[in-house]
Amino acid sequence: MTSNAEKGEDLAAEFLVETGFEIVCRNWRDRFCEIDIVAKKDKCIHIVEVKYRQDNYHGYGYEFVDKTKQRRLLKAAQRWTQANRWKGDIVIDVISIDGQELELTYIENAVEMPLR
């Protein structure tokens, strides 16, 4: 049985592939963090946070990427970069999939990366 999180990540991955991304990995983890999707497009790595909500009664998924979650995503991006010895560009995106209609919102560069 597929969980809601898996369903959302599957839909997000399909969207990314359909729009020209290559999926590098899904559910990347280390001891301290987890990344839903790592994708590549035009020599740039995209760290993608996926938020899936069956209904938007409490808000849209992207609204739950608060400052605390943004700090976690920055740390995860940094750890992935180090683990994979990535020297190129990297951005953090958010994909929100909401409601029965599965409304997909893609926010590219949703979290500002500090200068390296």
C-alpha atoms as a PDB file:
ATOM      1  CA  MET A   1       0.000   0.000   0.000  1.00  0.00           C
ATOM      2  CA  THR A   2       1.347   3.398  -0.970  1.00  0.00           C
ATOM      3  CA  SER A   3       1.447   6.102   1.704  1.00  0.00           C
ATOM      4  CA  ASN A   4       0.338   9.670   1.031  1.00  0.00           C
ATOM      5  CA  ALA A   5       3.963  10.804   1.174  1.00  0.00           C
ATOM      6  CA  GLU A   6       4.959   8.219  -1.440  1.00  0.00           C
ATOM      7  CA  LYS A   7       1.998   9.170  -3.636  1.00  0.00           C
ATOM      8  CA  GLY A   8       2.992  12.833  -3.475  1.00  0.00           C
ATOM      9  CA  GLU A   9       6.625  12.051  -4.231  1.00  0.00           C
ATOM     10  CA  ASP A  10       5.624   9.841  -7.174  1.00  0.00           C
ATOM     11  CA  LEU A  11       3.512  12.659  -8.645  1.00  0.00           C
ATOM     12  CA  ALA A  12       6.300  15.176  -8.056  1.00  0.00           C
ATOM     13  CA  ALA A  13       8.891  12.908  -9.698  1.00  0.00           C
ATOM     14  CA  GLU A  14       6.607  12.392 -12.715  1.00  0.00           C
ATOM     15  CA  PHE A  15       6.186  16.162 -13.044  1.00  0.00           C
ATOM     16  CA  LEU A  16       9.943  16.731 -12.849  1.00  0.00           C
ATOM     17  CA  VAL A  17      10.711  14.113 -15.501  1.00  0.00           C
ATOM     18  CA  GLU A  18       7.978  15.493 -17.780  1.00  0.00           C
ATOM     19  CA  THR A  19       9.533  18.969 -17.494  1.00  0.00           C
ATOM     20  CA  GLY A  20      13.052  17.872 -18.387  1.00  0.00           C
ATOM     21  CA  PHE A  21      14.634  16.882 -15.074  1.00  0.00           C
ATOM     22  CA  GLU A  22      16.651  13.752 -14.456  1.00  0.00           C
ATOM     23  CA  ILE A  23      15.919  12.126 -11.105  1.00  0.00           C
ATOM     24  CA  VAL A  24      19.266  11.542  -9.379  1.00  0.00           C
ATOM     25  CA  CYS A  25      17.783   9.869  -6.300  1.00  0.00           C
ATOM     26  CA  ARG A  26      14.755   9.772  -4.048  1.00  0.00           C
ATOM     27  CA  ASN A  27      14.581   9.682  -0.270  1.00  0.00           C
ATOM     28  CA  TRP A  28      18.288  10.356   0.205  1.00  0.00           C
ATOM     29  CA  ARG A  29      19.248  10.036   3.868  1.00  0.00           C
ATOM     30  CA  ASP A  30      22.158  10.285   6.150  1.00  0.00           C
ATOM     31  CA  ARG A  31      22.291  10.199   9.956  1.00  0.00           C
ATOM     32  CA  PHE A  32      20.971  13.736  10.293  1.00  0.00           C
ATOM     33  CA  CYS A  33      18.623  14.530   7.430  1.00  0.00           C
ATOM     34  CA  GLU A  34      16.490  13.376   4.528  1.00  0.00           C
ATOM     35  CA  ILE A  35      15.803  14.761   1.046  1.00  0.00           C
ATOM     36  CA  ASP A  36      12.630  13.786  -0.817  1.00  0.00           C
ATOM     37  CA  ILE A  37      14.002  14.133  -4.360  1.00  0.00           C
ATOM     38  CA  VAL A  38      17.363  15.095  -5.828  1.00  0.00           C
ATOM     39  CA  ALA A  39      17.014  16.037  -9.490  1.00  0.00           C
ATOM     40  CA  LYS A  40      19.307  17.481 -12.131  1.00  0.00           C
ATOM     41  CA  LYS A  41      18.565  19.898 -14.959  1.00  0.00           C
ATOM     42  CA  ASP A  42      20.948  21.999 -17.016  1.00  0.00           C
ATOM     43  CA  LYS A  43      24.000  21.089 -14.904  1.00  0.00           C
ATOM     44  CA  CYS A  44      22.204  22.223 -11.731  1.00  0.00           C
ATOM     45  CA  ILE A  45      21.169  20.029  -8.814  1.00  0.00           C
ATOM     46  CA  HIS A  46      17.708  20.638  -7.387  1.00  0.00           C
ATOM     47  CA  ILE A  47      16.946  19.535  -3.842  1.00  0.00           C
ATOM     48  CA  VAL A  48      13.159  19.084  -3.912  1.00  0.00           C
ATOM     49  CA  GLU A  49      10.930  19.103  -0.850  1.00  0.00           C
ATOM     50  CA  VAL A  50       7.529  17.551  -1.550  1.00  0.00           C
ATOM     51  CA  LYS A  51       4.445  18.482   0.462  1.00  0.00           C
ATOM     52  CA  TYR A  52       1.272  16.496  -0.185  1.00  0.00           C
ATOM     53  CA  ARG A  53      -2.086  17.418   1.358  1.00  0.00           C
ATOM     54  CA  GLN A  54      -5.302  15.506   0.684  1.00  0.00           C
ATOM     55  CA  ASP A  55      -7.209  18.681   1.411  1.00  0.00           C
ATOM     56  CA  ASN A  56      -6.205  22.282   1.951  1.00  0.00           C
ATOM     57  CA  TYR A  57      -8.455  22.868   4.945  1.00  0.00           C
ATOM     58  CA  HIS A  58      -5.381  23.761   7.019  1.00  0.00           C
ATOM     59  CA  GLY A  59      -3.504  25.398   4.152  1.00  0.00           C
ATOM     60  CA  TYR A  60      -1.497  24.445   1.117  1.00  0.00           C
ATOM     61  CA  GLY A  61       1.509  22.179   1.427  1.00  0.00           C
ATOM     62  CA  TYR A  62       4.029  24.859   0.525  1.00  0.00           C
ATOM     63  CA  GLU A  63       2.800  26.946   3.459  1.00  0.00           C
ATOM     64  CA  PHE A  64       4.293  24.332   5.792  1.00  0.00           C
ATOM     65  CA  VAL A  65       7.847  25.035   4.626  1.00  0.00           C
ATOM     66  CA  ASP A  66       8.513  27.397   7.509  1.00  0.00           C
ATOM     67  CA  LYS A  67      11.853  28.863   8.667  1.00  0.00           C
ATOM     68  CA  THR A  68      12.673  25.728  10.686  1.00  0.00           C
ATOM     69  CA  LYS A  69      12.050  23.476   7.675  1.00  0.00           C
ATOM     70  CA  GLN A  70      14.052  25.840   5.465  1.00  0.00           C
ATOM     71  CA  ARG A  71      17.045  25.544   7.820  1.00  0.00           C
ATOM     72  CA  ARG A  72      16.741  21.755   7.702  1.00  0.00           C
ATOM     73  CA  LEU A  73      16.632  21.822   3.909  1.00  0.00           C
ATOM     74  CA  LEU A  74      19.732  24.025   3.777  1.00  0.00           C
ATOM     75  CA  LYS A  75      21.567  21.602   6.079  1.00  0.00           C
ATOM     76  CA  ALA A  76      20.408  18.627   4.001  1.00  0.00           C
ATOM     77  CA  ALA A  77      21.570  20.314   0.779  1.00  0.00           C
ATOM     78  CA  GLN A  78      24.939  20.997   2.354  1.00  0.00           C
ATOM     79  CA  ARG A  79      25.290  17.387   3.534  1.00  0.00           C
ATOM     80  CA  TRP A  80      24.270  15.983   0.132  1.00  0.00           C
ATOM     81  CA  THR A  81      26.765  18.292  -1.580  1.00  0.00           C
ATOM     82  CA  GLN A  82      29.568  17.111   0.704  1.00  0.00           C
ATOM     83  CA  ALA A  83      28.633  13.422   0.471  1.00  0.00           C
ATOM     84  CA  ASN A  84      28.539  13.563  -3.333  1.00  0.00           C
ATOM     85  CA  ARG A  85      31.445  15.985  -3.780  1.00  0.00           C
ATOM     86  CA  TRP A  86      29.194  18.233  -5.868  1.00  0.00           C
ATOM     87  CA  LYS A  87      30.883  21.476  -6.928  1.00  0.00           C
ATOM     88  CA  GLY A  88      28.216  22.856  -9.274  1.00  0.00           C
ATOM     89  CA  ASP A  89      25.098  24.913  -8.768  1.00  0.00           C
ATOM     90  CA  ILE A  90      22.453  23.747  -6.331  1.00  0.00           C
ATOM     91  CA  VAL A  91      18.989  25.105  -5.551  1.00  0.00           C
ATOM     92  CA  ILE A  92      16.193  24.097  -3.210  1.00  0.00           C
ATOM     93  CA  ASP A  93      12.704  23.763  -4.680  1.00  0.00           C
ATOM     94  CA  VAL A  94       9.309  22.942  -3.206  1.00  0.00           C
ATOM     95  CA  ILE A  95       6.549  20.974  -4.877  1.00  0.00           C
ATOM     96  CA  SER A  96       3.160  21.159  -3.214  1.00  0.00           C
ATOM     97  CA  ILE A  97       0.388  18.769  -4.241  1.00  0.00           C
ATOM     98  CA  ASP A  98      -2.956  19.725  -2.767  1.00  0.00           C
ATOM     99  CA  GLY A  99      -6.550  18.580  -2.608  1.00  0.00           C
ATOM    100  CA  GLN A 100      -8.631  15.992  -4.378  1.00  0.00           C
ATOM    101  CA  GLU A 101      -7.748  17.647  -7.710  1.00  0.00           C
ATOM    102  CA  LEU A 102      -4.032  17.082  -6.997  1.00  0.00           C
ATOM    103  CA  GLU A 103      -3.208  20.713  -7.748  1.00  0.00           C
ATOM    104  CA  LEU A 104       0.562  20.858  -8.225  1.00  0.00           C
ATOM    105  CA  THR A 105       2.507  24.001  -7.357  1.00  0.00           C
ATOM    106  CA  TYR A 106       6.201  24.101  -8.237  1.00  0.00           C
ATOM    107  CA  ILE A 107       8.286  26.752  -6.504  1.00  0.00           C
ATOM    108  CA  GLU A 108      11.781  26.837  -7.956  1.00  0.00           C
ATOM    109  CA  ASN A 109      14.525  28.244  -5.734  1.00  0.00           C
ATOM    110  CA  ALA A 110      12.086  28.386  -2.814  1.00  0.00           C
ATOM    111  CA  VAL A 111      14.850  28.549  -0.206  1.00  0.00           C
ATOM    112  CA  GLU A 112      17.680  31.033  -0.654  1.00  0.00           C
ATOM    113  CA  MET A 113      21.070  29.304  -0.643  1.00  0.00           C
ATOM    114  CA  PRO A 114      23.894  31.079   1.172  1.00  0.00           C
ATOM    115  CA  LEU A 115      26.955  32.028  -0.853  1.00  0.00           C
ATOM    116  CA  ARG A 116      29.625  29.339  -0.887  1.00  0.00           C
END
